[in-house]
C-alpha atoms as a PDB file:
ATOM      1  CA  MET A   1      97.470 -35.857 103.389  1.00  0.00           C
ATOM      2  CA  THR A   2      99.342 -37.538 100.990  1.00  0.00           C
ATOM      3  CA  ARG A   3     102.301 -39.393 102.040  1.00  0.00           C
ATOM      4  CA  THR A   4     105.661 -39.776  99.828  1.00  0.00           C
ATOM      5  CA  LEU A   5     107.324 -43.317  99.598  1.00  0.00           C
ATOM      6  CA  VAL A   6     110.776 -42.753  99.704  1.00  0.00           C
ATOM      7  CA  PRO A   7     113.099 -45.784  97.753  1.00  0.00           C
ATOM      8  CA  THR A   8     115.148 -47.306  99.873  1.00  0.00           C
ATOM      9  CA  ALA A   9     117.989 -49.990  99.843  1.00  0.00           C
ATOM     10  CA  ALA A  10     120.066 -52.302 101.937  1.00  0.00           C
ATOM     11  CA  ASN A  11     123.817 -53.184 101.613  1.00  0.00           C
ATOM     12  CA  LEU A  12     125.853 -55.813 103.722  1.00  0.00           C
ATOM     13  CA  ILE A  13     129.245 -55.057 103.673  1.00  0.00           C
ATOM     14  CA  CYS A  14     131.345 -58.074 104.294  1.00  0.00           C
ATOM     15  CA  GLN A  15     134.688 -57.741 106.081  1.00  0.00           C
ATOM     16  CA  HIS A  16     137.723 -60.080 106.518  1.00  0.00           C
ATOM     17  CA  GLY A  17     140.405 -57.939 108.349  1.00  0.00           C
ATOM     18  CA  SER A  18     141.105 -55.036 106.216  1.00  0.00           C
ATOM     19  CA  HIS A  19     139.490 -56.886 102.867  1.00  0.00           C
ATOM     20  CA  VAL A  20     135.646 -56.043 101.962  1.00  0.00           C
ATOM     21  CA  LEU A  21     133.748 -58.396  99.295  1.00  0.00           C
ATOM     22  CA  LEU A  22     132.438 -56.560  96.360  1.00  0.00           C
ATOM     23  CA  LEU A  23     130.390 -57.839  93.515  1.00  0.00           C
ATOM     24  CA  LYS A  24     130.901 -56.440  90.404  1.00  0.00           C
ATOM     25  CA  ARG A  25     127.625 -55.895  88.394  1.00  0.00           C
ATOM     26  CA  SER A  26     126.763 -57.316  84.974  1.00  0.00           C
ATOM     27  CA  ASN A  27     126.607 -54.687  81.938  1.00  0.00           C
ATOM     28  CA  LYS A  28     123.250 -56.041  81.724  1.00  0.00           C
ATOM     29  CA  THR A  29     121.970 -54.372  84.884  1.00  0.00           C
ATOM     30  CA  THR A  30     120.027 -51.032  84.255  1.00  0.00           C
ATOM     31  CA  VAL A  31     121.298 -49.350  87.079  1.00  0.00           C
ATOM     32  CA  TRP A  32     125.364 -49.389  87.641  1.00  0.00           C
ATOM     33  CA  PRO A  33     126.317 -51.665  85.246  1.00  0.00           C
ATOM     34  CA  ASN A  34     130.069 -52.859  85.439  1.00  0.00           C
ATOM     35  CA  PHE A  35     130.192 -50.985  88.713  1.00  0.00           C
ATOM     36  CA  TRP A  36     131.694 -52.563  91.760  1.00  0.00           C
ATOM     37  CA  ALA A  37     129.118 -52.718  94.892  1.00  0.00           C
ATOM     38  CA  PHE A  38     128.405 -54.603  98.246  1.00  0.00           C
ATOM     39  CA  PRO A  39     125.998 -57.076  97.898  1.00  0.00           C
ATOM     40  CA  GLY A  40     122.461 -55.126  98.040  1.00  0.00           C
ATOM     41  CA  GLY A  41     119.396 -54.301  96.993  1.00  0.00           C
ATOM     42  CA  LYS A  42     115.547 -52.542  97.227  1.00  0.00           C
ATOM     43  CA  VAL A  43     114.259 -53.187 100.820  1.00  0.00           C
ATOM     44  CA  ASP A  44     110.492 -54.968 100.427  1.00  0.00           C
ATOM     45  CA  ASP A  45     107.359 -54.058 102.007  1.00  0.00           C
ATOM     46  CA  ASN A  46     107.212 -54.657 105.532  1.00  0.00           C
ATOM     47  CA  GLU A  47     111.148 -55.482 105.979  1.00  0.00           C
ATOM     48  CA  PHE A  48     113.788 -53.719 108.379  1.00  0.00           C
ATOM     49  CA  PHE A  49     117.111 -52.758 106.458  1.00  0.00           C
ATOM     50  CA  ARG A  50     119.038 -55.423 108.755  1.00  0.00           C
ATOM     51  CA  GLU A  51     116.492 -58.205 107.127  1.00  0.00           C
ATOM     52  CA  ALA A  52     116.925 -56.455 103.971  1.00  0.00           C
ATOM     53  CA  ALA A  53     120.498 -56.488 103.969  1.00  0.00           C
ATOM     54  CA  LEU A  54     120.725 -60.143 105.136  1.00  0.00           C
ATOM     55  CA  ARG A  55     118.216 -61.877 102.555  1.00  0.00           C
ATOM     56  CA  GLU A  56     120.062 -59.571  99.611  1.00  0.00           C
ATOM     57  CA  ALA A  57     123.321 -61.307 100.955  1.00  0.00           C
ATOM     58  CA  ARG A  58     121.916 -64.880 100.406  1.00  0.00           C
ATOM     59  CA  GLU A  59     120.603 -64.162  97.628  1.00  0.00           C
ATOM     60  CA  GLU A  60     123.429 -62.291  95.976  1.00  0.00           C
ATOM     61  CA  ILE A  61     126.451 -64.330  97.766  1.00  0.00           C
ATOM     62  CA  GLY A  62     125.067 -67.285  99.411  1.00  0.00           C
ATOM     63  CA  ILE A  63     126.290 -66.259 103.359  1.00  0.00           C
ATOM     64  CA  ASN A  64     123.777 -66.632 105.919  1.00  0.00           C
ATOM     65  CA  GLY A  65     123.715 -64.134 108.642  1.00  0.00           C
ATOM     66  CA  LYS A  66     122.100 -62.995 111.855  1.00  0.00           C
ATOM     67  CA  PRO A  67     120.765 -59.421 112.621  1.00  0.00           C
ATOM     68  CA  GLU A  68     123.046 -59.900 115.995  1.00  0.00           C
ATOM     69  CA  ASP A  69     125.895 -60.293 113.488  1.00  0.00           C
ATOM     70  CA  ILE A  70     125.875 -56.586 112.177  1.00  0.00           C
ATOM     71  CA  ARG A  71     128.592 -54.605 114.028  1.00  0.00           C
ATOM     72  CA  ASP A  72     128.413 -51.384 112.656  1.00  0.00           C
ATOM     73  CA  GLU A  73     125.748 -49.231 110.709  1.00  0.00           C
ATOM     74  CA  THR A  74     124.980 -45.955 108.651  1.00  0.00           C
ATOM     75  CA  ILE A  75     122.349 -44.498 107.037  1.00  0.00           C
ATOM     76  CA  THR A  76     123.212 -42.834 103.645  1.00  0.00           C
ATOM     77  CA  MET A  77     120.434 -40.348 102.263  1.00  0.00           C
ATOM     78  CA  ILE A  78     120.594 -39.287  98.454  1.00  0.00           C
ATOM     79  CA  ARG A  79     119.356 -36.659  96.765  1.00  0.00           C
ATOM     80  CA  SER A  80     119.391 -36.273  92.823  1.00  0.00           C
ATOM     81  CA  ILE A  81     117.278 -34.012  90.959  1.00  0.00           C
ATOM     82  CA  GLN A  82     114.589 -36.583  89.959  1.00  0.00           C
ATOM     83  CA  TRP A  83     114.589 -38.441  92.890  1.00  0.00           C
ATOM     84  CA  THR A  84     115.772 -39.179  96.604  1.00  0.00           C
ATOM     85  CA  LYS A  85     116.936 -42.254  98.590  1.00  0.00           C
ATOM     86  CA  VAL A  86     117.969 -43.977 101.418  1.00  0.00           C
ATOM     87  CA  VAL A  87     120.385 -46.511 101.623  1.00  0.00           C
ATOM     88  CA  TYR A  88     121.447 -48.649 104.721  1.00  0.00           C
ATOM     89  CA  PHE A  89     124.889 -50.516 104.966  1.00  0.00           C
ATOM     90  CA  GLY A  90     125.696 -52.950 107.559  1.00  0.00           C
ATOM     91  CA  ARG A  91     129.122 -54.254 108.139  1.00  0.00           C
ATOM     92  CA  ILE A  92     129.354 -57.939 109.147  1.00  0.00           C
ATOM     93  CA  GLU A  93     132.511 -59.703 110.072  1.00  0.00           C
ATOM     94  CA  HIS A  94     130.908 -63.641 110.730  1.00  0.00           C
ATOM     95  CA  TYR A  95     128.424 -65.894 108.990  1.00  0.00           C
ATOM     96  CA  GLU A  96     127.469 -68.991 107.361  1.00  0.00           C
ATOM     97  CA  ASN A  97     129.273 -70.619 104.083  1.00  0.00           C
ATOM     98  CA  ALA A  98     131.610 -69.288 101.651  1.00  0.00           C
ATOM     99  CA  PRO A  99     130.368 -66.294  99.315  1.00  0.00           C
ATOM    100  CA  ALA A 100     129.716 -67.083  96.048  1.00  0.00           C
ATOM    101  CA  ILE A 101     127.913 -65.495  93.142  1.00  0.00           C
ATOM    102  CA  MET A 102     124.253 -66.526  92.910  1.00  0.00           C
ATOM    103  CA  GLU A 103     122.678 -64.629  90.309  1.00  0.00           C
ATOM    104  CA  PRO A 104     124.986 -64.748  87.436  1.00  0.00           C
ATOM    105  CA  THR A 105     122.663 -62.759  85.592  1.00  0.00           C
ATOM    106  CA  LEU A 106     123.212 -59.651  87.735  1.00  0.00           C
ATOM    107  CA  ALA A 107     126.965 -60.414  88.701  1.00  0.00           C
ATOM    108  CA  THR A 108     130.204 -61.138  87.011  1.00  0.00           C
ATOM    109  CA  ASP A 109     132.846 -61.020  89.613  1.00  0.00           C
ATOM    110  CA  LEU A 110     132.841 -61.256  93.342  1.00  0.00           C
ATOM    111  CA  ALA A 111     136.638 -60.754  94.894  1.00  0.00           C
ATOM    112  CA  TRP A 112     138.105 -59.450  98.013  1.00  0.00           C
ATOM    113  CA  PHE A 113     139.755 -55.737  97.886  1.00  0.00           C
ATOM    114  CA  PRO A 114     142.257 -54.199 100.535  1.00  0.00           C
ATOM    115  CA  ILE A 115     139.802 -51.031 101.928  1.00  0.00           C
ATOM    116  CA  SER A 116     142.847 -49.058 101.052  1.00  0.00           C
ATOM    117  CA  GLU A 117     142.597 -50.131  97.105  1.00  0.00           C
ATOM    118  CA  LEU A 118     139.283 -50.186  96.362  1.00  0.00           C
ATOM    119  CA  PRO A 119     138.626 -50.859  92.019  1.00  0.00           C
ATOM    120  CA  GLU A 120     137.525 -48.358  89.688  1.00  0.00           C
ATOM    121  CA  PRO A 121     134.664 -47.895  89.109  1.00  0.00           C
ATOM    122  CA  MET A 122     132.758 -48.171  92.115  1.00  0.00           C
ATOM    123  CA  ILE A 123     129.322 -47.262  93.042  1.00  0.00           C
ATOM    124  CA  PRO A 124     129.814 -43.846  95.016  1.00  0.00           C
ATOM    125  CA  HIS A 125     127.562 -44.016  97.432  1.00  0.00           C
ATOM    126  CA  HIS A 126     128.926 -47.429  98.624  1.00  0.00           C
ATOM    127  CA  LYS A 127     132.513 -46.058  98.870  1.00  0.00           C
ATOM    128  CA  SER A 128     130.688 -43.260 100.548  1.00  0.00           C
ATOM    129  CA  GLY A 129     129.063 -45.872 103.239  1.00  0.00           C
ATOM    130  CA  LEU A 130     132.194 -47.656 103.689  1.00  0.00           C
ATOM    131  CA  GLU A 131     134.134 -44.572 104.888  1.00  0.00           C
ATOM    132  CA  ALA A 132     130.681 -43.720 106.900  1.00  0.00           C
ATOM    133  CA  ILE A 133     131.516 -47.234 108.614  1.00  0.00           C
ATOM    134  CA  LEU A 134     134.595 -46.635 109.058  1.00  0.00           C
ATOM    135  CA  LYS A 135     134.430 -43.553 110.872  1.00  0.00           C
ATOM    136  CA  LYS A 136     131.553 -44.577 113.199  1.00  0.00           C
ATOM    137  CA  ILE A 137     129.493 -42.007 111.386  1.00  0.00           C
ATOM    138  CA  GLY A 138     125.681 -43.118 111.411  1.00  0.00           C
ATOM    139  CA  TYR A 139     124.224 -40.442 108.827  1.00  0.00           C
ATOM    140  CA  VAL A 140     125.585 -39.138 105.669  1.00  0.00           C
ATOM    141  CA  GLU A 141     123.792 -36.827 103.290  1.00  0.00           C
ATOM    142  CA  ILE A 142     124.843 -36.564  99.537  1.00  0.00           C
ATOM    143  CA  ASP A 143     123.555 -33.841  97.165  1.00  0.00           C
ATOM    144  CA  MET A 144     123.709 -34.878  94.052  1.00  0.00           C
ATOM    145  CA  SER A 145     121.328 -32.416  92.129  1.00  0.00           C
ATOM    146  CA  ALA A 146     123.839 -29.424  92.237  1.00  0.00           C
END
């Protein structure tokens, strides 16, 4: 039997009232350059989704949260012609430290946006993840292979 590894990512949606915090990815990034996104990234070996989301948020925007502070969650499975990917989104409102850009080579801007007025361009599955969280949907499939 062979085991297929599916790439996974974890993202943290920081919310304050009707606003969410987004990073603008640098034009130097190889994936989604100049797109707005939630803090997040790859899940390391032997790491749970919540751990990865909180670690990535700490590394990217300097905040500290606890797993029990994550209120709503969703999983998005994305299929394209080249790959299949599982992406976690968790929503948090309470954390320590003020958000700031911690990796200036990866992000050029950090801003709060009204949920009803998200910036463009935004990574499409990040927008889908937020929509799922707001609708209390725990699992979403996106087929980009068609």
